[in-house]
Protein backbone atom coordinates (compact mmCIF):
# COMPACT_ATOMS: atom_id res chain seq x y z
CA MET A 1 129.61 139.85 145.26
CA GLU A 2 131.53 138.66 148.29
CA THR A 3 132.96 135.14 148.12
CA MET A 4 130.68 132.65 149.84
CA ILE A 5 131.90 130.61 152.79
CA SER A 6 131.49 127.35 150.89
CA HIS A 7 133.83 128.56 148.14
CA LYS A 8 136.46 129.61 150.67
CA ILE A 9 136.27 126.22 152.43
CA ARG A 10 136.52 124.31 149.16
CA SER A 11 139.43 126.43 147.93
CA HIS A 12 141.44 125.85 151.11
CA ALA A 13 140.67 122.12 151.12
CA VAL A 14 141.78 121.72 147.50
CA GLU A 15 145.00 123.59 148.24
CA LEU A 16 145.60 121.41 151.32
CA ARG A 17 144.96 118.24 149.29
CA ALA A 18 147.73 119.24 146.86
CA ILE A 19 150.17 119.87 149.71
CA VAL A 20 149.30 116.63 151.52
CA ASP A 21 149.81 114.62 148.36
CA ARG A 22 153.42 115.80 148.13
CA VAL A 23 154.67 115.36 151.70
CA MET A 24 153.03 112.35 153.36
CA SER A 25 153.29 108.57 153.20
CA ALA A 26 150.86 106.82 150.85
CA GLU A 27 148.70 105.54 153.73
CA ASP A 28 148.56 108.94 155.42
CA VAL A 29 147.77 110.61 152.09
CA GLU A 30 144.85 108.25 151.55
CA ARG A 31 143.39 109.01 155.00
CA ALA A 32 143.98 112.74 154.61
CA ILE A 33 142.41 112.83 151.14
CA ARG A 34 139.29 111.07 152.46
CA SER A 35 138.97 113.70 155.18
CA ILE A 36 139.58 116.54 152.77
CA ASN A 37 137.03 115.14 150.33
CA ALA A 38 134.52 115.02 153.20
CA ILE A 39 135.23 118.69 153.91
CA ILE A 40 134.68 119.54 150.24
CA ALA A 41 131.38 117.60 150.24
CA GLU A 42 130.24 119.51 153.33
CA SER A 43 131.17 122.80 151.66
CA GLU A 44 128.90 121.83 148.76
CA ARG A 45 126.03 121.31 151.22
CA VAL A 46 126.82 124.69 152.80
CA GLU A 47 126.73 126.21 149.33
CA GLY A 48 123.16 124.95 148.94
CA LEU A 49 122.22 126.53 152.26
CA GLU A 50 123.88 129.79 151.29
CA GLY A 51 121.95 129.77 148.04
CA ALA A 52 118.67 129.28 149.91
CA VAL A 53 119.49 132.19 152.23
CA LEU A 54 120.56 134.50 149.41
CA LYS A 55 117.53 133.60 147.28
CA PRO A 56 114.66 133.06 149.72
CA GLU A 57 112.09 133.34 146.91
CA ALA A 58 113.44 130.08 145.45
CA ARG A 59 112.06 128.08 148.40
């Protein structure tokens, strides 16, 4: 099965979070992590939508 969009988004955001944590000031890291966490949360919502599209009988 092809990787879903939500998984790709989450994977990239987690990777970015690790990079940000190493190279930015503490204040910038905190702001960046909040934004990244918001992206991850949105990818989880997208995952639910993808699941509904892939399994329409579950509606």
